[in-house]
C-alpha cells in the first residue's frame, strides 16, 4: 500500500534542515523502490524549505512510520509534525 507522509518543519529549523539535507537525501536513496516520490514544501518564494512530502510503499502505517523515524530529519528534530495517510495513486501512475 502507498502512504503519503506529510512532514511539517519546526519553526526556526531551516539551518538544521540545510545541515542534515545530504544525510536525508542518502536515507531517501536507500529506500530504493519503496520511495515513489519525494520533495520539500516551500514558502511562497518557492525556495525556502519548510517541510517534506514523501510517498512510500509499505505493508502497514507502522512500517511506513518506521522508515520515517530513520530519516535524519526526524532523528535530529527538524520535523514538528509527521502525518501518515494511506494514498491511492490514480492519475499519472506510471504503473497503470
C-alpha atoms as a PDB file:
ATOM      1  CA  UNK A   1       0.000   0.000   0.000  1.00  0.00           C
ATOM      2  CA  UNK A   2       1.116   3.554  -0.618  1.00  0.00           C
ATOM      3  CA  UNK A   3       1.337   6.138   2.145  1.00  0.00           C
ATOM      4  CA  UNK A   4       1.606   9.895   1.827  1.00  0.00           C
ATOM      5  CA  UNK A   5       3.932  11.213   4.503  1.00  0.00           C
ATOM      6  CA  UNK A   6       3.345  14.898   5.203  1.00  0.00           C
ATOM      7  CA  UNK A   7       6.044  16.466   7.365  1.00  0.00           C
ATOM      8  CA  UNK A   8       5.991  19.984   8.775  1.00  0.00           C
ATOM      9  CA  UNK A   9       9.236  21.532   9.990  1.00  0.00           C
ATOM     10  CA  UNK A  10       9.655  23.079  13.427  1.00  0.00           C
ATOM     11  CA  UNK A  11       9.814  26.870  13.366  1.00  0.00           C
ATOM     12  CA  UNK A  12      13.427  28.012  13.054  1.00  0.00           C
ATOM     13  CA  UNK A  13      14.722  24.615  11.919  1.00  0.00           C
ATOM     14  CA  UNK A  14      15.871  25.712   8.443  1.00  0.00           C
ATOM     15  CA  UNK A  15      19.604  25.821   9.388  1.00  0.00           C
ATOM     16  CA  UNK A  16      19.349  22.278  10.808  1.00  0.00           C
ATOM     17  CA  UNK A  17      17.434  21.140   7.699  1.00  0.00           C
ATOM     18  CA  UNK A  18      20.190  22.519   5.471  1.00  0.00           C
ATOM     19  CA  UNK A  19      22.898  20.884   7.582  1.00  0.00           C
ATOM     20  CA  UNK A  20      21.219  17.448   7.580  1.00  0.00           C
ATOM     21  CA  UNK A  21      19.958  17.556   3.978  1.00  0.00           C
ATOM     22  CA  UNK A  22      22.796  15.428   2.488  1.00  0.00           C
ATOM     23  CA  UNK A  23      22.128  12.696   5.100  1.00  0.00           C
ATOM     24  CA  UNK A  24      18.378  12.982   4.454  1.00  0.00           C
ATOM     25  CA  UNK A  25      18.873  12.531   0.708  1.00  0.00           C
ATOM     26  CA  UNK A  26      21.107   9.491   1.284  1.00  0.00           C
ATOM     27  CA  UNK A  27      18.402   7.991   3.500  1.00  0.00           C
ATOM     28  CA  UNK A  28      15.797   8.547   0.799  1.00  0.00           C
ATOM     29  CA  UNK A  29      18.049   6.924  -1.815  1.00  0.00           C
ATOM     30  CA  UNK A  30      18.486   3.927   0.493  1.00  0.00           C
ATOM     31  CA  UNK A  31      14.738   3.269   0.344  1.00  0.00           C
ATOM     32  CA  UNK A  32      15.052   2.174  -3.282  1.00  0.00           C
ATOM     33  CA  UNK A  33      11.759   1.228  -4.921  1.00  0.00           C
ATOM     34  CA  UNK A  34       9.833   1.794  -1.674  1.00  0.00           C
ATOM     35  CA  UNK A  35      10.135   5.534  -2.278  1.00  0.00           C
ATOM     36  CA  UNK A  36       7.760   6.585  -5.048  1.00  0.00           C
ATOM     37  CA  UNK A  37       8.264  10.353  -4.868  1.00  0.00           C
ATOM     38  CA  UNK A  38       9.633  12.970  -2.524  1.00  0.00           C
ATOM     39  CA  UNK A  39      10.251  16.671  -2.293  1.00  0.00           C
ATOM     40  CA  UNK A  40      10.198  19.655   0.024  1.00  0.00           C
ATOM     41  CA  UNK A  41       7.355  22.013   0.769  1.00  0.00           C
ATOM     42  CA  UNK A  42       8.427  25.634   0.444  1.00  0.00           C
ATOM     43  CA  UNK A  43       7.413  29.102   1.462  1.00  0.00           C
ATOM     44  CA  UNK A  44       5.672  31.249  -1.173  1.00  0.00           C
ATOM     45  CA  UNK A  45       9.108  32.161  -2.564  1.00  0.00           C
ATOM     46  CA  UNK A  46       9.399  28.611  -3.923  1.00  0.00           C
ATOM     47  CA  UNK A  47      12.882  28.276  -2.422  1.00  0.00           C
ATOM     48  CA  UNK A  48      12.782  28.315   1.390  1.00  0.00           C
ATOM     49  CA  UNK A  49      12.034  24.760   2.509  1.00  0.00           C
ATOM     50  CA  UNK A  50       9.623  24.200   5.403  1.00  0.00           C
ATOM     51  CA  UNK A  51       8.504  20.576   5.225  1.00  0.00           C
ATOM     52  CA  UNK A  52       8.524  17.394   3.163  1.00  0.00           C
ATOM     53  CA  UNK A  53       6.153  15.227   1.161  1.00  0.00           C
ATOM     54  CA  UNK A  54       7.029  11.588   0.628  1.00  0.00           C
ATOM     55  CA  UNK A  55       5.043   8.794  -0.941  1.00  0.00           C
ATOM     56  CA  UNK A  56       6.322   5.432   0.201  1.00  0.00           C
ATOM     57  CA  UNK A  57       5.222   1.854  -0.234  1.00  0.00           C
ATOM     58  CA  UNK A  58       4.883  -0.181   2.949  1.00  0.00           C
ATOM     59  CA  UNK A  59       2.766  -3.028   4.287  1.00  0.00           C
ATOM     60  CA  UNK A  60       1.299  -1.040   7.185  1.00  0.00           C
ATOM     61  CA  UNK A  61       1.189   2.520   8.515  1.00  0.00           C
ATOM     62  CA  UNK A  62       3.527   1.368  11.278  1.00  0.00           C
ATOM     63  CA  UNK A  63       6.060   0.128   8.731  1.00  0.00           C
ATOM     64  CA  UNK A  64       5.845   3.473   6.924  1.00  0.00           C
ATOM     65  CA  UNK A  65       6.390   5.317  10.213  1.00  0.00           C
ATOM     66  CA  UNK A  66       9.420   3.117  10.986  1.00  0.00           C
ATOM     67  CA  UNK A  67      11.021   4.245   7.718  1.00  0.00           C
ATOM     68  CA  UNK A  68      10.314   7.890   8.515  1.00  0.00           C
ATOM     69  CA  UNK A  69      11.734   7.541  12.028  1.00  0.00           C
ATOM     70  CA  UNK A  70      15.101   6.551  10.498  1.00  0.00           C
ATOM     71  CA  UNK A  71      15.215   9.749   8.426  1.00  0.00           C
ATOM     72  CA  UNK A  72      17.910  12.150   9.694  1.00  0.00           C
ATOM     73  CA  UNK A  73      15.367  15.000   9.593  1.00  0.00           C
ATOM     74  CA  UNK A  74      13.225  13.042  12.064  1.00  0.00           C
ATOM     75  CA  UNK A  75      16.152  11.816  14.168  1.00  0.00           C
ATOM     76  CA  UNK A  76      17.672  15.295  14.556  1.00  0.00           C
ATOM     77  CA  UNK A  77      14.385  17.095  15.225  1.00  0.00           C
ATOM     78  CA  UNK A  78      13.731  19.013  12.003  1.00  0.00           C
ATOM     79  CA  UNK A  79      10.109  17.862  11.883  1.00  0.00           C
ATOM     80  CA  UNK A  80       7.475  19.290  14.209  1.00  0.00           C
ATOM     81  CA  UNK A  81       4.739  17.016  12.886  1.00  0.00           C
ATOM     82  CA  UNK A  82       4.533  13.887  10.728  1.00  0.00           C
ATOM     83  CA  UNK A  83       1.211  12.738   9.288  1.00  0.00           C
ATOM     84  CA  UNK A  84       0.988   9.379   7.510  1.00  0.00           C
ATOM     85  CA  UNK A  85      -2.072   8.711   5.366  1.00  0.00           C
ATOM     86  CA  UNK A  86      -2.981   5.847   3.014  1.00  0.00           C
ATOM     87  CA  UNK A  87      -2.829   7.149  -0.544  1.00  0.00           C
ATOM     88  CA  UNK A  88      -4.112   5.818  -3.861  1.00  0.00           C
ATOM     89  CA  UNK A  89      -2.143   6.888  -6.935  1.00  0.00           C
ATOM     90  CA  UNK A  90      -4.861   7.339  -9.543  1.00  0.00           C
ATOM     91  CA  UNK A  91      -3.685   9.911 -12.106  1.00  0.00           C
ATOM     92  CA  UNK A  92      -0.337   9.700 -13.948  1.00  0.00           C
ATOM     93  CA  UNK A  93       0.626   6.498 -12.165  1.00  0.00           C
ATOM     94  CA  UNK A  94       3.486   5.011 -14.230  1.00  0.00           C
ATOM     95  CA  UNK A  95       2.330   1.502 -13.232  1.00  0.00           C
ATOM     96  CA  UNK A  96      -1.136   1.910 -14.694  1.00  0.00           C
END
